[in-house]
Amino acid sequence: MALKNFNPDTFLENWSAEKYSPTHSGKPFAQCIGEAFDIPPTDKYVYRAQAETTLGITQRAINAKRNHGLHGWYHDDEGNPHDPQYPSSEEITAYTTLFSPTLNLQSALKDWALNAKADTLRKPISNHLHSHFHPQENLPGGLLPKKKARQHTNPYYDLWTYTCHELEWAGPLPSTTHTKISHHMLPIFYHHFGCIVPSYAALHVLAKLAQPTRPSKEDVRPILDIGSGNGYWTYMLRHFPIEQLGGAKKLHVHAIDNQVSEYRLTWIRDTIKTDGLAYLRQNAGGKGCVLLLVYPQATGEFTGPILQAFEGDCIVVAGTQNGNGFTAFQHQLVDEWVAENLGAFELILRMPLPSFAGKDEALFVFQRRK
């Protein structure tokens, strides 16, 4: 059943990776999720995404380890297993640490690639992510954090780090675009948190983009989280430690979702239940706002019409950066589509996001040309 009594503020206050992440507690994943969200061991809830699972089925899949090809993430473009096929624990840690609030992602990516040994999986993975970072130099407006975060609690990041070690995943390769398998853990996370992890750097970028260019004369720009799902990104943005930006204004985030999809729990109570296009049409096309699309669906007519209807100056998309067709558009990357169909906008930033096993995710930022 849905967790109707879930209190996100209490959950965040009580969150402890040492207590609720299998990495530190040593407890099985299903038990950790049960204890964190107050779910009884007898729970039979069916988590539906592209496939169906339960906490019990997921735990059995985790216990199976590599059996049945469940950890077979690394192949070349011809489908042959990569040599080496499995990363070391050190390589996995190097990847997950990239997204730590204590690092500057741009510098960390560069160092990660420079220090990778030629005969490891880390070498092609780091080359892939570093080469896809845009722009390589002179990032506009100091969008990425340069100072260490004094504090930032993100349960999704903690649990994602565990999945990387459990599933022997150290990041995507170009050939990840051909990966068709997934893992039973993903539907659990989709229902409890969302389809993609908001890294500290991604939240920082959005917070910076929302700030007025003339603080004394302009208000903060609202962020429109269209297709907000269960609201985890909205919740994390609203709880972003804005004081760490120095003089920045509090964020205003509006979650808009038609609420057709089912989720185990919701992180916010004020989702505007409506179609994204209808919302834009009724609110001046979103002029003066930042548009946020997190894992926008690739099927049906959603992403294109939303982007074309938006009349603001800044678009942010969190989704795939390869051609697997999971987000935005089935046969085209979102930056390619924008270049062809929204000539008024230019890509000013593309950076990797924490990617689940078999995925290759990134944050895209488009700015209206002056």
Protein backbone atom coordinates (compact mmCIF):
# COMPACT_ATOMS: atom_id res chain seq x y z
CA MET A 1 0.00 0.00 0.00
CA ALA A 2 1.03 3.63 -0.45
CA LEU A 3 2.80 5.20 2.53
CA LYS A 4 0.20 7.84 3.34
CA ASN A 5 1.68 8.72 6.74
CA PHE A 6 5.15 9.41 5.36
CA ASN A 7 6.57 12.67 6.74
CA PRO A 8 9.48 13.86 4.55
CA ASP A 9 10.79 16.40 7.08
CA THR A 10 10.97 13.78 9.81
CA PHE A 11 12.57 11.34 7.38
CA LEU A 12 15.27 13.84 6.41
CA GLU A 13 15.94 14.81 10.02
CA ASN A 14 16.30 11.16 11.04
CA TRP A 15 18.24 10.03 7.97
CA SER A 16 21.57 8.37 8.64
CA ALA A 17 23.58 6.57 5.98
CA GLU A 18 25.29 4.64 8.78
CA LYS A 19 21.91 3.34 9.92
CA TYR A 20 19.91 2.95 6.72
CA SER A 21 22.42 2.30 3.92
CA PRO A 22 23.47 -1.36 3.53
CA THR A 23 27.00 -0.12 2.85
CA HIS A 24 27.41 0.91 6.48
CA SER A 25 24.78 -1.05 8.40
CA GLY A 26 25.55 -4.43 6.84
CA LYS A 27 21.82 -5.15 6.69
CA PRO A 28 20.07 -6.41 3.52
CA PHE A 29 18.72 -3.74 1.18
CA ALA A 30 15.07 -4.72 1.71
CA GLN A 31 15.49 -4.50 5.47
CA CYS A 32 17.13 -1.08 5.23
CA ILE A 33 14.32 0.28 3.05
CA GLY A 34 11.76 -1.23 5.40
CA GLU A 35 13.33 0.32 8.49
CA ALA A 36 13.92 3.71 6.85
CA PHE A 37 10.35 4.03 5.57
CA ASP A 38 8.61 2.07 8.34
CA ILE A 39 7.53 -0.76 6.01
CA PRO A 40 6.77 -4.13 7.68
CA PRO A 41 8.71 -7.27 6.62
CA THR A 42 5.42 -8.74 5.35
CA ASP A 43 5.06 -5.98 2.75
CA LYS A 44 3.77 -7.22 -0.63
CA TYR A 45 3.51 -3.89 -2.47
CA VAL A 46 4.17 -4.23 -6.21
CA TYR A 47 6.59 -1.62 -7.51
CA ARG A 48 5.74 -0.94 -11.15
CA ALA A 49 8.06 0.76 -13.62
CA GLN A 50 9.18 -0.83 -16.89
CA ALA A 51 8.92 -4.07 -14.93
CA GLU A 52 7.29 -5.18 -11.67
CA THR A 53 8.93 -6.22 -8.42
CA THR A 54 8.51 -6.35 -4.65
CA LEU A 55 11.01 -5.77 -1.87
CA GLY A 56 11.31 -9.55 -1.42
CA ILE A 57 11.90 -10.26 -5.12
CA THR A 58 14.43 -7.42 -5.28
CA GLN A 59 16.37 -8.80 -2.33
CA ARG A 60 16.55 -12.22 -3.99
CA ALA A 61 17.90 -10.58 -7.15
CA ILE A 62 20.53 -8.77 -5.09
CA ASN A 63 21.51 -12.03 -3.39
CA ALA A 64 21.98 -13.66 -6.81
CA LYS A 65 24.94 -11.31 -7.47
CA ARG A 66 26.27 -11.87 -11.02
CA ASN A 67 24.04 -14.86 -11.79
CA HIS A 68 21.92 -14.64 -14.93
CA GLY A 69 24.03 -11.76 -16.23
CA LEU A 70 22.62 -9.31 -13.67
CA HIS A 71 25.94 -7.41 -13.46
CA GLY A 72 26.80 -7.57 -17.13
CA TRP A 73 27.05 -3.82 -17.75
CA TYR A 74 30.30 -3.52 -19.67
CA HIS A 75 30.49 -4.53 -23.33
CA ASP A 76 32.03 -3.14 -26.49
CA ASP A 77 29.96 -1.87 -29.41
CA GLU A 78 29.78 -5.41 -30.83
CA GLY A 79 28.28 -6.73 -27.60
CA ASN A 80 31.39 -8.58 -26.42
CA PRO A 81 32.25 -8.41 -22.69
CA HIS A 82 34.70 -5.64 -21.88
CA ASP A 83 38.13 -6.66 -20.60
CA PRO A 84 38.16 -6.16 -17.66
CA GLN A 85 34.43 -6.75 -17.30
CA TYR A 86 34.10 -5.77 -13.64
CA PRO A 87 35.53 -2.68 -11.92
CA SER A 88 37.44 -2.79 -8.65
CA SER A 89 35.98 -1.36 -5.46
CA GLU A 90 38.48 1.50 -5.74
CA GLU A 91 37.24 2.35 -9.24
CA ILE A 92 33.64 2.37 -8.03
CA THR A 93 34.51 4.65 -5.12
CA ALA A 94 36.35 7.01 -7.46
CA TYR A 95 33.19 7.28 -9.58
CA THR A 96 30.69 7.79 -6.75
CA THR A 97 32.94 10.33 -5.04
CA LEU A 98 32.76 12.56 -8.12
CA PHE A 99 29.29 13.63 -7.01
CA SER A 100 30.22 14.33 -3.40
CA PRO A 101 29.20 17.77 -2.08
CA THR A 102 32.81 18.22 -1.02
CA LEU A 103 34.20 18.29 -4.59
CA ASN A 104 34.13 20.64 -7.54
CA LEU A 105 32.76 18.39 -10.28
CA GLN A 106 34.61 20.09 -13.13
CA SER A 107 38.02 19.75 -11.47
CA ALA A 108 37.26 16.27 -10.16
CA LEU A 109 36.34 15.03 -13.65
CA LYS A 110 39.57 16.35 -15.08
CA ASP A 111 41.73 14.82 -12.35
CA TRP A 112 39.80 11.54 -12.54
CA ALA A 113 40.61 11.19 -16.23
CA LEU A 114 44.24 12.26 -15.91
CA ASN A 115 44.97 9.77 -13.10
CA ALA A 116 43.22 6.75 -14.62
CA LYS A 117 45.44 3.81 -15.54
CA ALA A 118 45.25 2.57 -19.12
CA ASP A 119 44.33 -1.06 -18.32
CA THR A 120 41.34 -0.26 -16.10
CA LEU A 121 37.64 0.37 -16.70
CA ARG A 122 38.14 3.77 -15.07
CA LYS A 123 40.14 5.00 -18.07
CA PRO A 124 37.44 4.75 -20.79
CA ILE A 125 34.69 5.70 -18.32
CA SER A 126 36.50 8.84 -17.17
CA ASN A 127 37.39 9.77 -20.75
CA HIS A 128 33.75 9.37 -21.75
CA LEU A 129 32.37 11.56 -18.96
CA HIS A 130 35.10 14.19 -19.24
CA SER A 131 34.69 14.48 -23.00
CA HIS A 132 30.92 14.98 -22.59
CA PHE A 133 31.31 17.80 -20.07
CA HIS A 134 30.35 21.07 -21.75
CA PRO A 135 31.87 23.57 -21.77
CA GLN A 136 35.30 22.25 -20.86
CA GLU A 137 36.57 25.70 -19.87
CA ASN A 138 35.16 29.09 -18.83
CA LEU A 139 31.91 27.82 -17.37
CA PRO A 140 29.49 30.77 -17.48
CA GLY A 141 28.43 32.50 -14.29
CA GLY A 142 30.29 30.23 -11.87
CA LEU A 143 27.40 27.76 -12.02
CA LEU A 144 29.20 24.89 -10.30
CA PRO A 145 30.09 25.08 -6.61
CA LYS A 146 33.72 25.97 -5.95
CA LYS A 147 33.61 25.64 -2.17
CA LYS A 148 32.89 22.51 -0.15
CA ALA A 149 29.35 22.18 1.11
CA ARG A 150 29.22 22.76 4.84
CA GLN A 151 26.37 20.30 5.11
CA HIS A 152 24.02 18.52 2.73
CA THR A 153 21.80 15.55 3.45
CA ASN A 154 20.67 13.56 0.39
CA PRO A 155 19.41 10.03 1.18
CA TYR A 156 19.11 9.21 -2.53
CA TYR A 157 22.81 9.90 -3.10
CA ASP A 158 23.75 7.70 -0.14
CA LEU A 159 21.64 4.78 -1.37
CA TRP A 160 22.77 5.26 -4.99
CA THR A 161 26.38 4.94 -3.80
CA TYR A 162 25.48 1.60 -2.24
CA THR A 163 23.92 0.37 -5.50
CA CYS A 164 27.09 1.12 -7.44
CA HIS A 165 29.15 -1.13 -5.17
CA GLU A 166 26.47 -3.81 -4.92
CA LEU A 167 25.98 -4.00 -8.70
CA GLU A 168 29.67 -3.50 -9.61
CA TRP A 169 29.08 -0.28 -11.52
CA ALA A 170 31.73 2.42 -12.00
CA GLY A 171 30.00 4.65 -14.53
CA PRO A 172 28.90 4.64 -18.17
CA LEU A 173 30.80 3.95 -21.37
CA PRO A 174 29.82 5.00 -24.91
CA SER A 175 28.56 1.43 -25.40
CA THR A 176 26.12 1.89 -22.47
CA THR A 177 23.70 3.22 -25.08
CA HIS A 178 23.22 -0.42 -26.17
CA THR A 179 22.52 -1.73 -22.64
CA LYS A 180 19.05 -3.26 -22.46
CA ILE A 181 19.15 -4.85 -19.00
CA SER A 182 18.37 -3.12 -15.72
CA HIS A 183 18.06 -4.29 -12.12
CA HIS A 184 15.20 -4.92 -9.71
CA MET A 185 16.39 -2.13 -7.41
CA LEU A 186 15.45 0.61 -9.86
CA PRO A 187 11.63 0.41 -9.49
CA ILE A 188 12.06 0.69 -5.70
CA PHE A 189 14.05 3.90 -6.09
CA TYR A 190 11.73 5.28 -8.76
CA HIS A 191 8.79 4.96 -6.36
CA HIS A 192 10.55 6.23 -3.25
CA PHE A 193 12.72 9.00 -4.71
CA GLY A 194 12.37 9.41 -8.47
CA CYS A 195 14.02 8.36 -11.71
CA ILE A 196 17.32 10.19 -11.25
CA VAL A 197 19.50 11.37 -8.36
CA PRO A 198 19.77 15.14 -7.82
CA SER A 199 23.44 15.66 -7.05
CA TYR A 200 24.58 18.58 -4.92
CA ALA A 201 26.16 20.14 -8.02
CA ALA A 202 22.88 19.88 -9.96
CA LEU A 203 20.90 21.51 -7.15
CA HIS A 204 23.55 24.22 -6.88
CA VAL A 205 23.29 24.93 -10.62
CA LEU A 206 19.51 25.30 -10.40
CA ALA A 207 19.80 27.54 -7.34
CA LYS A 208 22.29 29.77 -9.16
CA LEU A 209 20.15 29.94 -12.30
CA ALA A 210 17.15 31.07 -10.26
CA GLN A 211 19.01 33.99 -8.70
CA PRO A 212 18.27 37.44 -10.15
CA THR A 213 20.95 39.21 -12.19
CA ARG A 214 20.20 42.39 -10.23
CA PRO A 215 19.44 41.20 -6.68
CA SER A 216 18.38 44.60 -5.38
CA LYS A 217 15.85 45.17 -8.17
CA GLU A 218 14.67 41.70 -9.19
CA ASP A 219 13.03 38.77 -7.42
CA VAL A 220 14.31 35.20 -7.55
CA ARG A 221 13.09 33.37 -10.65
CA PRO A 222 10.60 30.59 -9.83
CA ILE A 223 11.59 27.07 -10.88
CA LEU A 224 8.83 25.15 -12.67
CA ASP A 225 9.33 21.42 -12.05
CA ILE A 226 7.02 20.14 -14.79
CA GLY A 227 6.42 16.40 -14.63
CA SER A 228 7.50 16.49 -10.99
CA GLY A 229 6.41 12.93 -10.14
CA ASN A 230 6.54 12.33 -6.40
CA GLY A 231 8.34 15.65 -5.88
CA TYR A 232 11.80 14.61 -4.65
CA TRP A 233 13.68 17.15 -6.82
CA THR A 234 11.27 19.90 -5.74
CA TYR A 235 11.70 18.89 -2.10
CA MET A 236 15.51 18.86 -2.32
CA LEU A 237 15.54 22.26 -4.05
CA ARG A 238 13.31 23.74 -1.36
CA HIS A 239 15.68 22.35 1.28
CA PHE A 240 18.88 23.33 -0.49
CA PRO A 241 21.20 25.17 1.94
CA ILE A 242 20.86 28.47 0.09
CA GLU A 243 23.05 30.27 2.63
CA GLN A 244 26.01 28.37 1.17
CA LEU A 245 25.68 30.43 -2.01
CA GLY A 246 26.38 33.65 -0.14
CA GLY A 247 23.69 36.31 -0.31
CA ALA A 248 21.41 34.21 -2.49
CA LYS A 249 17.63 34.43 -2.21
CA LYS A 250 15.35 31.59 -1.10
CA LEU A 251 14.17 29.38 -3.95
CA HIS A 252 10.55 29.23 -5.11
CA VAL A 253 9.79 25.87 -6.72
CA HIS A 254 6.43 24.93 -8.23
CA ALA A 255 5.77 21.23 -8.86
CA ILE A 256 3.43 20.53 -11.77
CA ASP A 257 2.28 17.00 -12.57
CA ASN A 258 -0.88 15.36 -13.92
CA GLN A 259 -0.50 12.68 -11.19
CA VAL A 260 -1.37 9.86 -13.58
CA SER A 261 1.61 7.74 -12.52
CA GLU A 262 1.53 5.82 -9.24
CA TYR A 263 4.18 6.35 -6.54
CA ARG A 264 4.72 4.61 -3.22
CA LEU A 265 5.04 7.95 -1.46
CA THR A 266 5.13 11.69 -2.14
CA TRP A 267 7.63 14.24 -0.85
CA ILE A 268 5.45 17.32 -1.17
CA ARG A 269 1.78 18.09 -0.58
CA ASP A 270 1.26 21.03 -2.92
CA THR A 271 1.77 19.51 -6.37
CA ILE A 272 -0.24 21.47 -8.92
CA LYS A 273 -2.30 18.72 -10.51
CA THR A 274 -2.54 19.71 -14.14
CA ASP A 275 -1.06 19.12 -17.56
CA GLY A 276 2.26 20.91 -18.10
CA LEU A 277 1.16 22.55 -21.34
CA ALA A 278 -2.04 23.79 -19.74
CA TYR A 279 -0.04 25.28 -16.88
CA LEU A 280 2.28 27.16 -19.24
CA ARG A 281 -0.64 28.49 -21.27
CA GLN A 282 -2.33 29.76 -18.14
CA ASN A 283 0.87 31.31 -16.72
CA ALA A 284 2.35 33.46 -19.52
CA GLY A 285 4.32 30.56 -20.95
CA GLY A 286 6.50 30.47 -17.86
CA LYS A 287 8.07 33.83 -18.67
CA GLY A 288 10.50 34.89 -15.97
CA CYS A 289 10.87 31.30 -14.72
CA VAL A 290 13.38 28.46 -14.96
CA LEU A 291 11.90 25.35 -16.61
CA LEU A 292 12.98 22.03 -15.07
CA LEU A 293 12.22 18.71 -16.75
CA VAL A 294 13.43 15.69 -14.74
CA TYR A 295 13.46 12.48 -16.75
CA PRO A 296 10.82 13.72 -19.22
CA GLN A 297 9.05 10.88 -20.95
CA ALA A 298 10.25 9.93 -24.42
CA THR A 299 6.94 8.45 -25.52
CA GLY A 300 3.95 10.48 -26.66
CA GLU A 301 3.90 14.22 -27.21
CA PHE A 302 5.35 15.69 -24.03
CA THR A 303 8.87 17.09 -24.16
CA GLY A 304 8.78 18.84 -27.53
CA PRO A 305 5.52 20.74 -26.99
CA ILE A 306 6.59 21.78 -23.46
CA LEU A 307 9.91 23.15 -24.71
CA GLN A 308 8.26 24.98 -27.58
CA ALA A 309 5.59 26.51 -25.35
CA PHE A 310 8.06 27.81 -22.75
CA GLU A 311 8.65 31.56 -23.02
CA GLY A 312 11.26 31.95 -20.30
CA ASP A 313 15.02 32.24 -20.76
CA CYS A 314 16.37 29.10 -19.08
CA ILE A 315 15.67 25.39 -19.61
CA VAL A 316 17.15 22.57 -17.48
CA VAL A 317 16.71 18.91 -18.42
CA ALA A 318 17.87 15.94 -16.34
CA GLY A 319 17.97 12.79 -18.44
CA THR A 320 19.99 10.52 -20.67
CA GLN A 321 23.04 11.75 -22.56
CA ASN A 322 23.18 8.77 -24.89
CA GLY A 323 20.90 7.37 -27.56
CA ASN A 324 19.10 4.74 -25.49
CA GLY A 325 15.78 6.56 -25.88
CA PHE A 326 14.86 6.53 -22.17
CA THR A 327 14.17 10.25 -21.79
CA ALA A 328 12.96 13.29 -23.73
CA PHE A 329 13.05 11.85 -27.26
CA GLN A 330 13.19 8.25 -28.46
CA HIS A 331 15.49 8.80 -31.44
CA GLN A 332 17.39 11.97 -30.54
CA LEU A 333 19.32 13.51 -27.67
CA VAL A 334 17.75 16.55 -26.07
CA ASP A 335 20.64 18.87 -27.01
CA GLU A 336 20.39 17.74 -30.64
CA TRP A 337 16.64 18.40 -30.63
CA VAL A 338 17.06 21.85 -29.11
CA ALA A 339 19.74 22.75 -31.67
CA GLU A 340 17.39 21.78 -34.51
CA ASN A 341 14.10 23.09 -33.15
CA LEU A 342 14.82 25.88 -30.65
CA GLY A 343 17.29 28.15 -32.38
CA ALA A 344 16.73 30.84 -29.75
CA PHE A 345 18.43 28.63 -27.12
CA GLU A 346 22.03 27.49 -26.76
CA LEU A 347 23.56 24.78 -24.59
CA ILE A 348 25.67 26.41 -21.87
CA LEU A 349 26.23 23.38 -19.62
CA ARG A 350 26.09 19.60 -19.82
CA MET A 351 27.43 17.68 -16.86
CA PRO A 352 27.11 14.10 -15.63
CA LEU A 353 24.61 13.12 -12.97
CA PRO A 354 24.86 10.02 -10.75
CA SER A 355 23.92 7.21 -13.14
CA PHE A 356 22.42 3.90 -12.10
CA ALA A 357 23.91 0.70 -13.46
CA GLY A 358 23.38 0.55 -17.21
CA LYS A 359 22.40 4.24 -17.48
CA ASP A 360 24.19 7.40 -18.63
CA GLU A 361 22.56 10.50 -17.15
CA ALA A 362 23.37 14.20 -17.38
CA LEU A 363 22.06 17.66 -16.60
CA PHE A 364 21.55 19.93 -19.63
CA VAL A 365 21.22 23.70 -19.27
CA PHE A 366 19.98 25.81 -22.18
CA GLN A 367 19.96 29.62 -22.14
CA ARG A 368 18.03 31.90 -24.47
CA ARG A 369 20.46 33.72 -26.75
CA LYS A 370 20.83 37.43 -26.09
